[in-house]
Amino acid sequence: YDFRTFDPKAREVTFVVANDIHDNA
């Protein structure tokens, strides 16, 4: 598998936030 370490010079970042799933896969 592959991954990429974070960039200390990054000008931007995108992420997802999810909450209150309550065991509902």
mmCIF file of all heavy atoms, coordinates in Angstrom:
data_MODEL
# 
_entry.id   MODEL 
# 
loop_
_atom_site.group_PDB 
_atom_site.id 
_atom_site.type_symbol 
_atom_site.label_atom_id 
_atom_site.label_alt_id 
_atom_site.label_comp_id 
_atom_site.label_asym_id 
_atom_site.label_entity_id 
_atom_site.label_seq_id 
_atom_site.pdbx_PDB_ins_code 
_atom_site.Cartn_x 
_atom_site.Cartn_y 
_atom_site.Cartn_z 
_atom_site.occupancy 
_atom_site.B_iso_or_equiv 
_atom_site.pdbx_formal_charge 
_atom_site.auth_seq_id 
_atom_site.auth_comp_id 
_atom_site.auth_asym_id 
_atom_site.auth_atom_id 
_atom_site.pdbx_PDB_model_num 
ATOM 1   N N   . TYR A 1 1  ? 0.852   -1.183 0.000  1.00 0.00 ? 1  TYR A N   1 
ATOM 2   C CA  . TYR A 1 1  ? 0.000   0.000  0.000  1.00 0.00 ? 1  TYR A CA  1 
ATOM 3   C C   . TYR A 1 1  ? 0.891   1.237  0.000  1.00 0.00 ? 1  TYR A C   1 
ATOM 4   O O   . TYR A 1 1  ? 2.069   1.164  0.352  1.00 0.00 ? 1  TYR A O   1 
ATOM 5   C CB  . TYR A 1 1  ? -0.909  0.021  1.232  1.00 0.00 ? 1  TYR A CB  1 
ATOM 6   C CG  . TYR A 1 1  ? -1.749  -1.223 1.410  1.00 0.00 ? 1  TYR A CG  1 
ATOM 7   C CD1 . TYR A 1 1  ? -1.481  -2.127 2.432  1.00 0.00 ? 1  TYR A CD1 1 
ATOM 8   C CD2 . TYR A 1 1  ? -2.808  -1.490 0.553  1.00 0.00 ? 1  TYR A CD2 1 
ATOM 9   C CE1 . TYR A 1 1  ? -2.251  -3.275 2.600  1.00 0.00 ? 1  TYR A CE1 1 
ATOM 10  C CE2 . TYR A 1 1  ? -3.589  -2.627 0.715  1.00 0.00 ? 1  TYR A CE2 1 
ATOM 11  C CZ  . TYR A 1 1  ? -3.297  -3.518 1.742  1.00 0.00 ? 1  TYR A CZ  1 
ATOM 12  O OH  . TYR A 1 1  ? -4.064  -4.654 1.893  1.00 0.00 ? 1  TYR A OH  1 
ATOM 13  N N   . ASP A 1 2  ? 0.323   2.376  -0.354 1.00 0.00 ? 2  ASP A N   1 
ATOM 14  C CA  . ASP A 1 2  ? 1.127   3.592  -0.384 1.00 0.00 ? 2  ASP A CA  1 
ATOM 15  C C   . ASP A 1 2  ? 0.494   4.696  0.464  1.00 0.00 ? 2  ASP A C   1 
ATOM 16  O O   . ASP A 1 2  ? -0.708  4.688  0.723  1.00 0.00 ? 2  ASP A O   1 
ATOM 17  C CB  . ASP A 1 2  ? 1.321   4.075  -1.826 1.00 0.00 ? 2  ASP A CB  1 
ATOM 18  C CG  . ASP A 1 2  ? 0.010   4.414  -2.506 1.00 0.00 ? 2  ASP A CG  1 
ATOM 19  O OD1 . ASP A 1 2  ? -0.501  5.533  -2.297 1.00 0.00 ? 2  ASP A OD1 1 
ATOM 20  O OD2 . ASP A 1 2  ? -0.511  3.562  -3.247 1.00 0.00 ? 2  ASP A OD2 1 
ATOM 21  N N   . PHE A 1 3  ? 1.324   5.619  0.900  1.00 0.00 ? 3  PHE A N   1 
ATOM 22  C CA  . PHE A 1 3  ? 0.874   6.824  1.598  1.00 0.00 ? 3  PHE A CA  1 
ATOM 23  C C   . PHE A 1 3  ? 1.916   7.913  1.371  1.00 0.00 ? 3  PHE A C   1 
ATOM 24  O O   . PHE A 1 3  ? 3.018   7.650  0.907  1.00 0.00 ? 3  PHE A O   1 
ATOM 25  C CB  . PHE A 1 3  ? 0.674   6.578  3.100  1.00 0.00 ? 3  PHE A CB  1 
ATOM 26  C CG  . PHE A 1 3  ? 1.958   6.332  3.867  1.00 0.00 ? 3  PHE A CG  1 
ATOM 27  C CD1 . PHE A 1 3  ? 2.641   7.387  4.456  1.00 0.00 ? 3  PHE A CD1 1 
ATOM 28  C CD2 . PHE A 1 3  ? 2.469   5.047  4.008  1.00 0.00 ? 3  PHE A CD2 1 
ATOM 29  C CE1 . PHE A 1 3  ? 3.824   7.171  5.163  1.00 0.00 ? 3  PHE A CE1 1 
ATOM 30  C CE2 . PHE A 1 3  ? 3.648   4.815  4.707  1.00 0.00 ? 3  PHE A CE2 1 
ATOM 31  C CZ  . PHE A 1 3  ? 4.330   5.878  5.295  1.00 0.00 ? 3  PHE A CZ  1 
ATOM 32  N N   . ARG A 1 4  ? 1.552   9.134  1.723  1.00 0.00 ? 4  ARG A N   1 
ATOM 33  C CA  . ARG A 1 4  ? 2.447   10.279 1.559  1.00 0.00 ? 4  ARG A CA  1 
ATOM 34  C C   . ARG A 1 4  ? 2.496   11.077 2.847  1.00 0.00 ? 4  ARG A C   1 
ATOM 35  O O   . ARG A 1 4  ? 1.448   11.402 3.415  1.00 0.00 ? 4  ARG A O   1 
ATOM 36  C CB  . ARG A 1 4  ? 1.972   11.170 0.411  1.00 0.00 ? 4  ARG A CB  1 
ATOM 37  C CG  . ARG A 1 4  ? 2.926   12.296 0.023  1.00 0.00 ? 4  ARG A CG  1 
ATOM 38  C CD  . ARG A 1 4  ? 2.363   13.051 -1.185 1.00 0.00 ? 4  ARG A CD  1 
ATOM 39  N NE  . ARG A 1 4  ? 3.305   14.022 -1.718 1.00 0.00 ? 4  ARG A NE  1 
ATOM 40  C CZ  . ARG A 1 4  ? 3.389   15.287 -1.318 1.00 0.00 ? 4  ARG A CZ  1 
ATOM 41  N NH1 . ARG A 1 4  ? 2.564   15.738 -0.379 1.00 0.00 ? 4  ARG A NH1 1 
ATOM 42  N NH2 . ARG A 1 4  ? 4.270   16.117 -1.869 1.00 0.00 ? 4  ARG A NH2 1 
ATOM 43  N N   . THR A 1 5  ? 3.675   11.366 3.336  1.00 0.00 ? 5  THR A N   1 
ATOM 44  C CA  . THR A 1 5  ? 3.807   12.199 4.527  1.00 0.00 ? 5  THR A CA  1 
ATOM 45  C C   . THR A 1 5  ? 3.358   13.628 4.216  1.00 0.00 ? 5  THR A C   1 
ATOM 46  O O   . THR A 1 5  ? 3.411   14.076 3.067  1.00 0.00 ? 5  THR A O   1 
ATOM 47  C CB  . THR A 1 5  ? 5.264   12.220 5.027  1.00 0.00 ? 5  THR A CB  1 
ATOM 48  O OG1 . THR A 1 5  ? 6.141   12.498 3.924  1.00 0.00 ? 5  THR A OG1 1 
ATOM 49  C CG2 . THR A 1 5  ? 5.652   10.881 5.638  1.00 0.00 ? 5  THR A CG2 1 
ATOM 50  N N   . PHE A 1 6  ? 2.903   14.319 5.242  1.00 0.00 ? 6  PHE A N   1 
ATOM 51  C CA  . PHE A 1 6  ? 2.424   15.682 5.053  1.00 0.00 ? 6  PHE A CA  1 
ATOM 52  C C   . PHE A 1 6  ? 3.580   16.618 4.688  1.00 0.00 ? 6  PHE A C   1 
ATOM 53  O O   . PHE A 1 6  ? 4.744   16.362 5.016  1.00 0.00 ? 6  PHE A O   1 
ATOM 54  C CB  . PHE A 1 6  ? 1.717   16.184 6.314  1.00 0.00 ? 6  PHE A CB  1 
ATOM 55  C CG  . PHE A 1 6  ? 0.441   15.453 6.618  1.00 0.00 ? 6  PHE A CG  1 
ATOM 56  C CD1 . PHE A 1 6  ? 0.106   15.121 7.929  1.00 0.00 ? 6  PHE A CD1 1 
ATOM 57  C CD2 . PHE A 1 6  ? -0.431  15.091 5.610  1.00 0.00 ? 6  PHE A CD2 1 
ATOM 58  C CE1 . PHE A 1 6  ? -1.075  14.461 8.224  1.00 0.00 ? 6  PHE A CE1 1 
ATOM 59  C CE2 . PHE A 1 6  ? -1.617  14.424 5.886  1.00 0.00 ? 6  PHE A CE2 1 
ATOM 60  C CZ  . PHE A 1 6  ? -1.936  14.106 7.200  1.00 0.00 ? 6  PHE A CZ  1 
ATOM 61  N N   . ASP A 1 7  ? 3.212   17.713 4.039  1.00 0.00 ? 7  ASP A N   1 
ATOM 62  C CA  . ASP A 1 7  ? 4.193   18.651 3.504  1.00 0.00 ? 7  ASP A CA  1 
ATOM 63  C C   . ASP A 1 7  ? 4.249   19.906 4.390  1.00 0.00 ? 7  ASP A C   1 
ATOM 64  O O   . ASP A 1 7  ? 3.264   20.638 4.501  1.00 0.00 ? 7  ASP A O   1 
ATOM 65  C CB  . ASP A 1 7  ? 3.796   19.045 2.077  1.00 0.00 ? 7  ASP A CB  1 
ATOM 66  C CG  . ASP A 1 7  ? 4.810   19.948 1.408  1.00 0.00 ? 7  ASP A CG  1 
ATOM 67  O OD1 . ASP A 1 7  ? 5.792   20.341 2.060  1.00 0.00 ? 7  ASP A OD1 1 
ATOM 68  O OD2 . ASP A 1 7  ? 4.608   20.268 0.216  1.00 0.00 ? 7  ASP A OD2 1 
ATOM 69  N N   . PRO A 1 8  ? 5.386   20.185 5.037  1.00 0.00 ? 8  PRO A N   1 
ATOM 70  C CA  . PRO A 1 8  ? 5.471   21.378 5.892  1.00 0.00 ? 8  PRO A CA  1 
ATOM 71  C C   . PRO A 1 8  ? 5.407   22.681 5.110  1.00 0.00 ? 8  PRO A C   1 
ATOM 72  O O   . PRO A 1 8  ? 5.215   23.751 5.695  1.00 0.00 ? 8  PRO A O   1 
ATOM 73  C CB  . PRO A 1 8  ? 6.833   21.217 6.578  1.00 0.00 ? 8  PRO A CB  1 
ATOM 74  C CG  . PRO A 1 8  ? 7.618   20.316 5.687  1.00 0.00 ? 8  PRO A CG  1 
ATOM 75  C CD  . PRO A 1 8  ? 6.623   19.397 5.057  1.00 0.00 ? 8  PRO A CD  1 
ATOM 76  N N   . LYS A 1 9  ? 5.538   22.611 3.780  1.00 0.00 ? 9  LYS A N   1 
ATOM 77  C CA  . LYS A 1 9  ? 5.457   23.809 2.938  1.00 0.00 ? 9  LYS A CA  1 
ATOM 78  C C   . LYS A 1 9  ? 4.110   23.910 2.206  1.00 0.00 ? 9  LYS A C   1 
ATOM 79  O O   . LYS A 1 9  ? 3.948   24.766 1.328  1.00 0.00 ? 9  LYS A O   1 
ATOM 80  C CB  . LYS A 1 9  ? 6.599   23.807 1.922  1.00 0.00 ? 9  LYS A CB  1 
ATOM 81  C CG  . LYS A 1 9  ? 7.986   23.840 2.555  1.00 0.00 ? 9  LYS A CG  1 
ATOM 82  C CD  . LYS A 1 9  ? 9.075   23.829 1.491  1.00 0.00 ? 9  LYS A CD  1 
ATOM 83  C CE  . LYS A 1 9  ? 10.461  23.842 2.134  1.00 0.00 ? 9  LYS A CE  1 
ATOM 84  N NZ  . LYS A 1 9  ? 11.533  23.812 1.100  1.00 0.00 ? 9  LYS A NZ  1 
ATOM 85  N N   . ALA A 1 10 ? 3.171   23.066 2.577  1.00 0.00 ? 10 ALA A N   1 
ATOM 86  C CA  . ALA A 1 10 ? 1.884   23.035 1.869  1.00 0.00 ? 10 ALA A CA  1 
ATOM 87  C C   . ALA A 1 10 ? 1.139   24.354 2.008  1.00 0.00 ? 10 ALA A C   1 
ATOM 88  O O   . ALA A 1 10 ? 1.027   24.905 3.108  1.00 0.00 ? 10 ALA A O   1 
ATOM 89  C CB  . ALA A 1 10 ? 1.024   21.897 2.404  1.00 0.00 ? 10 ALA A CB  1 
ATOM 90  N N   . ARG A 1 11 ? 0.637   24.856 0.899  1.00 0.00 ? 11 ARG A N   1 
ATOM 91  C CA  . ARG A 1 11 ? -0.151  26.086 0.897  1.00 0.00 ? 11 ARG A CA  1 
ATOM 92  C C   . ARG A 1 11 ? -1.639  25.784 1.113  1.00 0.00 ? 11 ARG A C   1 
ATOM 93  O O   . ARG A 1 11 ? -2.419  26.687 1.418  1.00 0.00 ? 11 ARG A O   1 
ATOM 94  C CB  . ARG A 1 11 ? 0.032   26.816 -0.432 1.00 0.00 ? 11 ARG A CB  1 
ATOM 95  C CG  . ARG A 1 11 ? 1.471   27.183 -0.759 1.00 0.00 ? 11 ARG A CG  1 
ATOM 96  C CD  . ARG A 1 11 ? 1.954   28.315 0.110  1.00 0.00 ? 11 ARG A CD  1 
ATOM 97  N NE  . ARG A 1 11 ? 1.194   29.525 -0.110 1.00 0.00 ? 11 ARG A NE  1 
ATOM 98  C CZ  . ARG A 1 11 ? 1.458   30.416 -1.082 1.00 0.00 ? 11 ARG A CZ  1 
ATOM 99  N NH1 . ARG A 1 11 ? 2.449   30.196 -1.937 1.00 0.00 ? 11 ARG A NH1 1 
ATOM 100 N NH2 . ARG A 1 11 ? 0.731   31.509 -1.196 1.00 0.00 ? 11 ARG A NH2 1 
ATOM 101 N N   . GLU A 1 12 ? -2.018  24.526 0.941  1.00 0.00 ? 12 GLU A N   1 
ATOM 102 C CA  . GLU A 1 12 ? -3.428  24.168 1.098  1.00 0.00 ? 12 GLU A CA  1 
ATOM 103 C C   . GLU A 1 12 ? -3.560  22.737 1.597  1.00 0.00 ? 12 GLU A C   1 
ATOM 104 O O   . GLU A 1 12 ? -2.647  21.923 1.468  1.00 0.00 ? 12 GLU A O   1 
ATOM 105 C CB  . GLU A 1 12 ? -4.174  24.333 -0.220 1.00 0.00 ? 12 GLU A CB  1 
ATOM 106 C CG  . GLU A 1 12 ? -3.673  23.448 -1.347 1.00 0.00 ? 12 GLU A CG  1 
ATOM 107 C CD  . GLU A 1 12 ? -4.438  23.700 -2.640 1.00 0.00 ? 12 GLU A CD  1 
ATOM 108 O OE1 . GLU A 1 12 ? -4.449  24.848 -3.114 1.00 0.00 ? 12 GLU A OE1 1 
ATOM 109 O OE2 . GLU A 1 12 ? -5.023  22.723 -3.156 1.00 0.00 ? 12 GLU A OE2 1 
ATOM 110 N N   . VAL A 1 13 ? -4.703  22.434 2.177  1.00 0.00 ? 13 VAL A N   1 
ATOM 111 C CA  . VAL A 1 13 ? -5.022  21.080 2.626  1.00 0.00 ? 13 VAL A CA  1 
ATOM 112 C C   . VAL A 1 13 ? -6.528  20.882 2.502  1.00 0.00 ? 13 VAL A C   1 
ATOM 113 O O   . VAL A 1 13 ? -7.307  21.828 2.658  1.00 0.00 ? 13 VAL A O   1 
ATOM 114 C CB  . VAL A 1 13 ? -4.561  20.840 4.084  1.00 0.00 ? 13 VAL A CB  1 
ATOM 115 C CG1 . VAL A 1 13 ? -5.310  21.735 5.059  1.00 0.00 ? 13 VAL A CG1 1 
ATOM 116 C CG2 . VAL A 1 13 ? -4.732  19.375 4.480  1.00 0.00 ? 13 VAL A CG2 1 
ATOM 117 N N   . THR A 1 14 ? -6.932  19.654 2.173  1.00 0.00 ? 14 THR A N   1 
ATOM 118 C CA  . THR A 1 14 ? -8.341  19.287 2.074  1.00 0.00 ? 14 THR A CA  1 
ATOM 119 C C   . THR A 1 14 ? -8.611  18.096 2.978  1.00 0.00 ? 14 THR A C   1 
ATOM 120 O O   . THR A 1 14 ? -7.850  17.125 2.972  1.00 0.00 ? 14 THR A O   1 
ATOM 121 C CB  . THR A 1 14 ? -8.713  18.932 0.620  1.00 0.00 ? 14 THR A CB  1 
ATOM 122 O OG1 . THR A 1 14 ? -8.480  20.061 -0.214 1.00 0.00 ? 14 THR A OG1 1 
ATOM 123 C CG2 . THR A 1 14 ? -10.181 18.533 0.515  1.00 0.00 ? 14 THR A CG2 1 
ATOM 124 N N   . PHE A 1 15 ? -9.680  18.165 3.753  1.00 0.00 ? 15 PHE A N   1 
ATOM 125 C CA  . PHE A 1 15 ? -10.024 17.018 4.601  1.00 0.00 ? 15 PHE A CA  1 
ATOM 126 C C   . PHE A 1 15 ? -11.533 16.916 4.762  1.00 0.00 ? 15 PHE A C   1 
ATOM 127 O O   . PHE A 1 15 ? -12.284 17.855 4.458  1.00 0.00 ? 15 PHE A O   1 
ATOM 128 C CB  . PHE A 1 15 ? -9.320  17.085 5.960  1.00 0.00 ? 15 PHE A CB  1 
ATOM 129 C CG  . PHE A 1 15 ? -9.581  18.320 6.779  1.00 0.00 ? 15 PHE A CG  1 
ATOM 130 C CD1 . PHE A 1 15 ? -10.715 18.418 7.588  1.00 0.00 ? 15 PHE A CD1 1 
ATOM 131 C CD2 . PHE A 1 15 ? -8.687  19.387 6.767  1.00 0.00 ? 15 PHE A CD2 1 
ATOM 132 C CE1 . PHE A 1 15 ? -10.952 19.534 8.362  1.00 0.00 ? 15 PHE A CE1 1 
ATOM 133 C CE2 . PHE A 1 15 ? -8.919  20.525 7.531  1.00 0.00 ? 15 PHE A CE2 1 
ATOM 134 C CZ  . PHE A 1 15 ? -10.047 20.594 8.335  1.00 0.00 ? 15 PHE A CZ  1 
ATOM 135 N N   . VAL A 1 16 ? -11.964 15.747 5.228  1.00 0.00 ? 16 VAL A N   1 
ATOM 136 C CA  . VAL A 1 16 ? -13.385 15.447 5.448  1.00 0.00 ? 16 VAL A CA  1 
ATOM 137 C C   . VAL A 1 16 ? -13.643 15.342 6.943  1.00 0.00 ? 16 VAL A C   1 
ATOM 138 O O   . VAL A 1 16 ? -12.796 14.835 7.692  1.00 0.00 ? 16 VAL A O   1 
ATOM 139 C CB  . VAL A 1 16 ? -13.778 14.138 4.736  1.00 0.00 ? 16 VAL A CB  1 
ATOM 140 C CG1 . VAL A 1 16 ? -15.174 13.677 5.147  1.00 0.00 ? 16 VAL A CG1 1 
ATOM 141 C CG2 . VAL A 1 16 ? -13.704 14.320 3.217  1.00 0.00 ? 16 VAL A CG2 1 
ATOM 142 N N   . VAL A 1 17 ? -14.793 15.822 7.378  1.00 0.00 ? 17 VAL A N   1 
ATOM 143 C CA  . VAL A 1 17 ? -15.210 15.709 8.778  1.00 0.00 ? 17 VAL A CA  1 
ATOM 144 C C   . VAL A 1 17 ? -16.584 15.037 8.831  1.00 0.00 ? 17 VAL A C   1 
ATOM 145 O O   . VAL A 1 17 ? -17.510 15.441 8.115  1.00 0.00 ? 17 VAL A O   1 
ATOM 146 C CB  . VAL A 1 17 ? -15.292 17.092 9.462  1.00 0.00 ? 17 VAL A CB  1 
ATOM 147 C CG1 . VAL A 1 17 ? -15.649 16.931 10.943 1.00 0.00 ? 17 VAL A CG1 1 
ATOM 148 C CG2 . VAL A 1 17 ? -13.988 17.860 9.310  1.00 0.00 ? 17 VAL A CG2 1 
ATOM 149 N N   . ALA A 1 18 ? -16.716 14.012 9.671  1.00 0.00 ? 18 ALA A N   1 
ATOM 150 C CA  . ALA A 1 18 ? -18.005 13.329 9.867  1.00 0.00 ? 18 ALA A CA  1 
ATOM 151 C C   . ALA A 1 18 ? -18.232 13.145 11.361 1.00 0.00 ? 18 ALA A C   1 
ATOM 152 O O   . ALA A 1 18 ? -17.279 12.928 12.113 1.00 0.00 ? 18 ALA A O   1 
ATOM 153 C CB  . ALA A 1 18 ? -18.018 11.975 9.155  1.00 0.00 ? 18 ALA A CB  1 
ATOM 154 N N   . ASN A 1 19 ? -19.461 13.234 11.785 1.00 0.00 ? 19 ASN A N   1 
ATOM 155 C CA  . ASN A 1 19 ? -19.761 13.151 13.222 1.00 0.00 ? 19 ASN A CA  1 
ATOM 156 C C   . ASN A 1 19 ? -21.097 12.457 13.458 1.00 0.00 ? 19 ASN A C   1 
ATOM 157 O O   . ASN A 1 19 ? -21.915 12.308 12.552 1.00 0.00 ? 19 ASN A O   1 
ATOM 158 C CB  . ASN A 1 19 ? -19.802 14.547 13.840 1.00 0.00 ? 19 ASN A CB  1 
ATOM 159 C CG  . ASN A 1 19 ? -20.766 15.486 13.144 1.00 0.00 ? 19 ASN A CG  1 
ATOM 160 O OD1 . ASN A 1 19 ? -20.382 16.125 12.148 1.00 0.00 ? 19 ASN A OD1 1 
ATOM 161 N ND2 . ASN A 1 19 ? -22.008 15.570 13.624 1.00 0.00 ? 19 ASN A ND2 1 
ATOM 162 N N   . ASP A 1 20 ? -21.292 12.016 14.691 1.00 0.00 ? 20 ASP A N   1 
ATOM 163 C CA  . ASP A 1 20 ? -22.572 11.446 15.164 1.00 0.00 ? 20 ASP A CA  1 
ATOM 164 C C   . ASP A 1 20 ? -23.075 10.314 14.275 1.00 0.00 ? 20 ASP A C   1 
ATOM 165 O O   . ASP A 1 20 ? -24.235 10.276 13.866 1.00 0.00 ? 20 ASP A O   1 
ATOM 166 C CB  . ASP A 1 20 ? -23.626 12.556 15.286 1.00 0.00 ? 20 ASP A CB  1 
ATOM 167 C CG  . ASP A 1 20 ? -23.268 13.566 16.360 1.00 0.00 ? 20 ASP A CG  1 
ATOM 168 O OD1 . ASP A 1 20 ? -23.449 13.247 17.550 1.00 0.00 ? 20 ASP A OD1 1 
ATOM 169 O OD2 . ASP A 1 20 ? -22.759 14.656 16.012 1.00 0.00 ? 20 ASP A OD2 1 
ATOM 170 N N   . ILE A 1 21 ? -22.199 9.358  14.014 1.00 0.00 ? 21 ILE A N   1 
ATOM 171 C CA  . ILE A 1 21 ? -22.553 8.196  13.194 1.00 0.00 ? 21 ILE A CA  1 
ATOM 172 C C   . ILE A 1 21 ? -23.253 7.131  14.036 1.00 0.00 ? 21 ILE A C   1 
ATOM 173 O O   . ILE A 1 21 ? -24.091 6.375  13.541 1.00 0.00 ? 21 ILE A O   1 
ATOM 174 C CB  . ILE A 1 21 ? -21.298 7.631  12.503 1.00 0.00 ? 21 ILE A CB  1 
ATOM 175 C CG1 . ILE A 1 21 ? -20.760 8.681  11.503 1.00 0.00 ? 21 ILE A CG1 1 
ATOM 176 C CG2 . ILE A 1 21 ? -21.587 6.321  11.799 1.00 0.00 ? 21 ILE A CG2 1 
ATOM 177 C CD1 . ILE A 1 21 ? -19.405 8.339  10.924 1.00 0.00 ? 21 ILE A CD1 1 
ATOM 178 N N   . HIS A 1 22 ? -22.914 7.036  15.316 1.00 0.00 ? 22 HIS A N   1 
ATOM 179 C CA  . HIS A 1 22 ? -23.594 6.173  16.289 1.00 0.00 ? 22 HIS A CA  1 
ATOM 180 C C   . HIS A 1 22 ? -23.701 4.713  15.818 1.00 0.00 ? 22 HIS A C   1 
ATOM 181 O O   . HIS A 1 22 ? -24.806 4.154  15.716 1.00 0.00 ? 22 HIS A O   1 
ATOM 182 C CB  . HIS A 1 22 ? -24.977 6.734  16.627 1.00 0.00 ? 22 HIS A CB  1 
ATOM 183 C CG  . HIS A 1 22 ? -24.910 7.962  17.500 1.00 0.00 ? 22 HIS A CG  1 
ATOM 184 N ND1 . HIS A 1 22 ? -24.677 7.910  18.848 1.00 0.00 ? 22 HIS A ND1 1 
ATOM 185 C CD2 . HIS A 1 22 ? -25.018 9.283  17.188 1.00 0.00 ? 22 HIS A CD2 1 
ATOM 186 C CE1 . HIS A 1 22 ? -24.663 9.126  19.348 1.00 0.00 ? 22 HIS A CE1 1 
ATOM 187 N NE2 . HIS A 1 22 ? -24.867 9.998  18.355 1.00 0.00 ? 22 HIS A NE2 1 
ATOM 188 N N   . ASP A 1 23 ? -22.567 4.120  15.514 1.00 0.00 ? 23 ASP A N   1 
ATOM 189 C CA  . ASP A 1 23 ? -22.470 2.689  15.197 1.00 0.00 ? 23 ASP A CA  1 
ATOM 190 C C   . ASP A 1 23 ? -23.118 2.300  13.876 1.00 0.00 ? 23 ASP A C   1 
ATOM 191 O O   . ASP A 1 23 ? -23.271 1.103  13.598 1.00 0.00 ? 23 ASP A O   1 
ATOM 192 C CB  . ASP A 1 23 ? -23.074 1.819  16.310 1.00 0.00 ? 23 ASP A CB  1 
ATOM 193 C CG  . ASP A 1 23 ? -22.239 1.837  17.585 1.00 0.00 ? 23 ASP A CG  1 
ATOM 194 O OD1 . ASP A 1 23 ? -21.058 1.486  17.509 1.00 0.00 ? 23 ASP A OD1 1 
ATOM 195 O OD2 . ASP A 1 23 ? -22.763 2.219  18.642 1.00 0.00 ? 23 ASP A OD2 1 
ATOM 196 N N   . ASN A 1 24 ? -23.479 3.242  13.062 1.00 0.00 ? 24 ASN A N   1 
ATOM 197 C CA  . ASN A 1 24 ? -24.148 2.945  11.792 1.00 0.00 ? 24 ASN A CA  1 
ATOM 198 C C   . ASN A 1 24 ? -23.109 2.951  10.677 1.00 0.00 ? 24 ASN A C   1 
ATOM 199 O O   . ASN A 1 24 ? -22.828 3.989  10.066 1.00 0.00 ? 24 ASN A O   1 
ATOM 200 C CB  . ASN A 1 24 ? -25.240 3.975  11.520 1.00 0.00 ? 24 ASN A CB  1 
ATOM 201 C CG  . ASN A 1 24 ? -26.113 3.613  10.337 1.00 0.00 ? 24 ASN A CG  1 
ATOM 202 O OD1 . ASN A 1 24 ? -25.688 2.897  9.433  1.00 0.00 ? 24 ASN A OD1 1 
ATOM 203 N ND2 . ASN A 1 24 ? -27.339 4.108  10.330 1.00 0.00 ? 24 ASN A ND2 1 
ATOM 204 N N   . ALA A 1 25 ? -22.530 1.782  10.406 1.00 0.00 ? 25 ALA A N   1 
ATOM 205 C CA  . ALA A 1 25 ? -21.461 1.680  9.414  1.00 0.00 ? 25 ALA A CA  1 
ATOM 206 C C   . ALA A 1 25 ? -21.937 2.072  8.019  1.00 0.00 ? 25 ALA A C   1 
ATOM 207 O O   . ALA A 1 25 ? -21.174 2.636  7.225  1.00 0.00 ? 25 ALA A O   1 
ATOM 208 C CB  . ALA A 1 25 ? -20.897 0.255  9.397  1.00 0.00 ? 25 ALA A CB  1 
# 
